[in-house]
């Protein structure tokens, strides 16, 4: 059995749950799509994964349909949460794995939904102990405290966004590309120099960050927004 280190970048799309369905644990949303990218120990992409998940509570929310393009029709025949998680776990395999996402919201969704739906799979524990908030790591690499959107991070790296935003696999692919770039410090510094110059604090002179707060406010995001 191979136990080489792998890196898996994950993105989820969720559907809102109406209040009457939420129950005592107050689950507010359900996963309707998982997108993931598997990378080897050198952060080279070796596989991708995508699945829709059929929700247990209610039809698709109109705003989510507009945002993601995922309709009720697309979810016909899709596995329920437990089956989807078992299939995803099989794809992840038994290798030592580090998990990444743009913020911790996807991990929290897995945790909350697994508890709500009494899903006992060990993959949840494996994720909990090996999950990295890459949005936070990216901000640390830039030397800033602000959190910025994935699409802005991709644009800053002069990389064209792959696929449509708010589709799970496309967001995972783009996060993986920034992750790969971040592991080559020299290349990261070269590609991100314009952004690093803007964000890093210069104690001697005013920075563009301080002079143009409205512009940089547009790059900020709440936890989980891409």
Protein backbone atom coordinates (compact mmCIF):
# COMPACT_ATOMS: atom_id res chain seq x y z
CA UNK A 1 0.00 0.00 0.00
CA UNK A 2 1.41 3.37 -1.07
CA UNK A 3 1.69 5.96 1.67
CA UNK A 4 3.37 8.77 -0.23
CA UNK A 5 2.31 12.29 0.70
CA UNK A 6 -0.43 13.78 -1.47
CA UNK A 7 -2.07 17.19 -1.46
CA UNK A 8 -5.79 17.55 -2.14
CA UNK A 9 -7.35 20.93 -2.85
CA UNK A 10 -11.11 21.03 -2.22
CA UNK A 11 -13.94 23.38 -3.07
CA UNK A 12 -17.63 22.96 -2.28
CA UNK A 13 -20.85 24.45 -3.50
CA UNK A 14 -23.77 24.49 -1.07
CA UNK A 15 -27.52 24.97 -1.21
CA UNK A 16 -29.43 26.81 1.49
CA UNK A 17 -31.80 24.89 3.74
CA UNK A 18 -35.11 26.51 4.61
CA UNK A 19 -35.62 27.06 8.34
CA UNK A 20 -38.36 24.46 8.68
CA UNK A 21 -35.89 21.72 7.64
CA UNK A 22 -32.94 22.68 9.82
CA UNK A 23 -33.71 20.72 12.97
CA UNK A 24 -32.09 21.01 16.38
CA UNK A 25 -28.52 21.31 15.05
CA UNK A 26 -29.45 24.24 12.82
CA UNK A 27 -27.74 23.03 9.64
CA UNK A 28 -28.17 26.00 7.29
CA UNK A 29 -26.85 24.50 4.04
CA UNK A 30 -26.09 21.22 2.27
CA UNK A 31 -23.20 20.31 -0.03
CA UNK A 32 -24.43 19.96 -3.60
CA UNK A 33 -21.05 19.72 -5.37
CA UNK A 34 -17.52 18.64 -4.50
CA UNK A 35 -14.60 19.62 -6.69
CA UNK A 36 -11.07 18.50 -5.88
CA UNK A 37 -7.56 18.39 -7.28
CA UNK A 38 -4.98 15.79 -6.24
CA UNK A 39 -1.34 16.86 -6.33
CA UNK A 40 1.80 14.82 -5.72
CA UNK A 41 4.49 15.58 -3.15
CA UNK A 42 5.97 18.17 -5.55
CA UNK A 43 2.61 19.93 -5.99
CA UNK A 44 2.11 18.73 -9.54
CA UNK A 45 -1.49 17.95 -10.49
CA UNK A 46 -2.10 14.24 -11.00
CA UNK A 47 -5.90 13.95 -10.92
CA UNK A 48 -9.18 15.85 -10.50
CA UNK A 49 -12.53 14.93 -9.01
CA UNK A 50 -16.06 16.26 -9.31
CA UNK A 51 -19.44 15.05 -8.14
CA UNK A 52 -22.86 16.54 -7.57
CA UNK A 53 -24.72 15.61 -4.38
CA UNK A 54 -28.48 15.34 -4.10
CA UNK A 55 -29.79 17.48 -1.22
CA UNK A 56 -32.02 15.93 1.45
CA UNK A 57 -33.93 19.07 2.36
CA UNK A 58 -35.87 21.04 -0.21
CA UNK A 59 -35.29 22.16 -3.78
CA UNK A 60 -32.48 24.33 -5.09
CA UNK A 61 -32.53 27.94 -3.94
CA UNK A 62 -33.03 30.35 -6.85
CA UNK A 63 -30.07 32.52 -5.85
CA UNK A 64 -27.79 29.47 -5.66
CA UNK A 65 -28.97 28.36 -9.10
CA UNK A 66 -28.12 31.81 -10.45
CA UNK A 67 -24.73 31.82 -8.72
CA UNK A 68 -23.59 28.29 -9.55
CA UNK A 69 -25.68 27.16 -12.50
CA UNK A 70 -26.60 24.01 -10.57
CA UNK A 71 -30.28 23.24 -11.12
CA UNK A 72 -32.54 20.58 -9.64
CA UNK A 73 -32.31 18.77 -12.98
CA UNK A 74 -28.52 18.51 -12.69
CA UNK A 75 -28.88 16.79 -9.32
CA UNK A 76 -31.23 14.04 -10.50
CA UNK A 77 -29.54 10.71 -9.86
CA UNK A 78 -26.69 12.26 -7.85
CA UNK A 79 -25.65 10.39 -4.67
CA UNK A 80 -26.82 11.50 -1.26
CA UNK A 81 -24.31 12.95 1.20
CA UNK A 82 -23.17 9.69 2.84
CA UNK A 83 -22.69 7.84 -0.46
CA UNK A 84 -20.95 10.84 -2.01
CA UNK A 85 -18.57 11.11 0.94
CA UNK A 86 -17.76 7.40 0.76
CA UNK A 87 -17.00 7.73 -2.96
CA UNK A 88 -14.88 10.82 -2.34
CA UNK A 89 -13.02 9.03 0.45
CA UNK A 90 -12.24 6.15 -1.92
CA UNK A 91 -10.85 8.62 -4.46
CA UNK A 92 -8.66 10.23 -1.78
CA UNK A 93 -7.33 6.81 -0.82
CA UNK A 94 -5.03 5.81 2.02
CA UNK A 95 -2.02 7.96 1.19
CA UNK A 96 -0.90 10.54 3.70
CA UNK A 97 -2.84 13.59 2.61
CA UNK A 98 -2.90 17.29 3.34
CA UNK A 99 -6.14 19.09 2.48
CA UNK A 100 -6.42 22.69 1.33
CA UNK A 101 -9.26 25.10 0.69
CA UNK A 102 -9.76 28.82 0.28
CA UNK A 103 -10.73 29.44 3.96
CA UNK A 104 -11.97 26.99 6.58
CA UNK A 105 -15.65 27.20 5.60
CA UNK A 106 -15.54 23.98 3.57
CA UNK A 107 -14.09 21.98 6.46
CA UNK A 108 -16.74 23.40 8.77
CA UNK A 109 -19.41 22.42 6.27
CA UNK A 110 -18.13 18.84 6.17
CA UNK A 111 -18.03 18.71 9.98
CA UNK A 112 -21.49 20.19 10.52
CA UNK A 113 -23.23 18.21 7.81
CA UNK A 114 -21.60 14.93 8.84
CA UNK A 115 -22.78 15.50 12.41
CA UNK A 116 -26.28 16.54 11.33
CA UNK A 117 -26.70 13.56 9.00
CA UNK A 118 -24.90 11.14 11.34
CA UNK A 119 -22.25 10.27 8.78
CA UNK A 120 -19.60 8.15 10.56
CA UNK A 121 -16.91 8.10 7.87
CA UNK A 122 -13.31 8.35 9.05
CA UNK A 123 -12.53 10.79 6.23
CA UNK A 124 -13.95 13.63 8.35
CA UNK A 125 -11.38 12.99 11.10
CA UNK A 126 -8.61 12.69 8.51
CA UNK A 127 -9.59 16.08 7.10
CA UNK A 128 -9.82 17.70 10.54
CA UNK A 129 -6.27 16.75 11.46
CA UNK A 130 -4.69 17.62 8.09
CA UNK A 131 -6.56 20.69 6.81
CA UNK A 132 -4.84 23.93 5.78
CA UNK A 133 -6.60 27.26 5.29
CA UNK A 134 -4.80 28.34 2.13
CA UNK A 135 -6.53 31.72 2.05
CA UNK A 136 -4.84 32.50 5.36
CA UNK A 137 -1.52 31.07 4.18
CA UNK A 138 -1.69 33.17 1.01
CA UNK A 139 -2.25 36.33 3.05
CA UNK A 140 0.70 35.39 5.25
CA UNK A 141 2.91 35.00 2.18
CA UNK A 142 1.86 38.47 1.07
CA UNK A 143 2.59 39.83 4.54
CA UNK A 144 -0.94 41.13 5.05
CA UNK A 145 -3.76 40.51 7.50
CA UNK A 146 -6.52 41.03 4.96
CA UNK A 147 -8.27 38.14 3.26
CA UNK A 148 -8.84 38.45 -0.46
CA UNK A 149 -11.03 36.59 -2.92
CA UNK A 150 -9.72 33.63 -4.88
CA UNK A 151 -10.47 35.32 -8.19
CA UNK A 152 -8.43 38.35 -7.11
CA UNK A 153 -5.55 36.09 -6.07
CA UNK A 154 -5.65 34.39 -9.47
CA UNK A 155 -5.73 37.74 -11.28
CA UNK A 156 -2.88 39.04 -9.14
CA UNK A 157 -0.78 36.09 -10.28
CA UNK A 158 -1.47 37.08 -13.89
CA UNK A 159 -3.25 33.77 -14.37
CA UNK A 160 -6.50 33.55 -16.28
CA UNK A 161 -9.28 32.12 -14.12
CA UNK A 162 -10.07 28.60 -15.31
CA UNK A 163 -13.76 27.88 -15.78
CA UNK A 164 -16.67 29.71 -14.23
CA UNK A 165 -16.37 31.09 -10.72
CA UNK A 166 -18.57 29.33 -8.14
CA UNK A 167 -18.21 25.95 -9.77
CA UNK A 168 -16.47 23.59 -7.39
CA UNK A 169 -13.93 22.00 -9.73
CA UNK A 170 -12.93 25.30 -11.36
CA UNK A 171 -12.37 26.91 -7.96
CA UNK A 172 -10.35 23.90 -6.81
CA UNK A 173 -8.22 23.98 -9.98
CA UNK A 174 -7.48 27.67 -9.56
CA UNK A 175 -6.69 27.31 -5.86
CA UNK A 176 -4.31 24.45 -6.74
CA UNK A 177 -2.55 26.65 -9.29
CA UNK A 178 -1.90 29.36 -6.70
CA UNK A 179 -0.83 26.71 -4.18
CA UNK A 180 1.66 25.26 -6.66
CA UNK A 181 3.05 28.72 -7.38
CA UNK A 182 3.38 29.50 -3.67
CA UNK A 183 5.72 26.53 -3.14
CA UNK A 184 8.34 28.03 -5.44
CA UNK A 185 9.33 31.07 -3.43
CA UNK A 186 11.49 32.62 -6.15
CA UNK A 187 8.79 32.26 -8.79
CA UNK A 188 6.11 33.41 -6.34
CA UNK A 189 8.11 36.56 -5.55
CA UNK A 190 8.65 37.23 -9.26
CA UNK A 191 5.04 36.70 -10.35
CA UNK A 192 3.51 38.39 -7.33
CA UNK A 193 5.94 41.32 -7.14
CA UNK A 194 3.34 43.95 -8.18
CA UNK A 195 0.98 42.74 -5.47
CA UNK A 196 3.73 42.35 -2.88
CA UNK A 197 4.86 45.90 -3.60
CA UNK A 198 1.33 47.15 -3.05
CA UNK A 199 0.56 45.25 0.13
CA UNK A 200 3.83 45.17 2.05
CA UNK A 201 4.21 47.87 4.62
CA UNK A 202 6.94 50.41 3.99
CA UNK A 203 7.77 52.17 7.24
CA UNK A 204 9.48 55.06 5.48
CA UNK A 205 6.86 56.02 2.88
CA UNK A 206 3.13 55.90 2.46
CA UNK A 207 2.00 52.71 0.78
CA UNK A 208 -0.61 52.39 -1.94
CA UNK A 209 -2.59 50.36 0.58
CA UNK A 210 -2.83 53.35 2.90
CA UNK A 211 -3.34 55.85 0.08
CA UNK A 212 -6.03 53.86 -1.75
CA UNK A 213 -8.07 52.08 0.93
CA UNK A 214 -11.24 51.98 -1.18
CA UNK A 215 -9.49 50.04 -3.95
CA UNK A 216 -8.08 47.44 -1.60
CA UNK A 217 -11.36 47.15 0.29
CA UNK A 218 -12.76 45.65 -2.91
CA UNK A 219 -10.21 42.83 -2.63
CA UNK A 220 -11.24 41.89 0.88
CA UNK A 221 -13.66 39.08 1.59
CA UNK A 222 -15.56 37.40 4.34
CA UNK A 223 -14.54 33.89 5.38
CA UNK A 224 -15.35 31.43 2.62
CA UNK A 225 -16.19 33.88 -0.16
CA UNK A 226 -14.28 33.35 -3.39
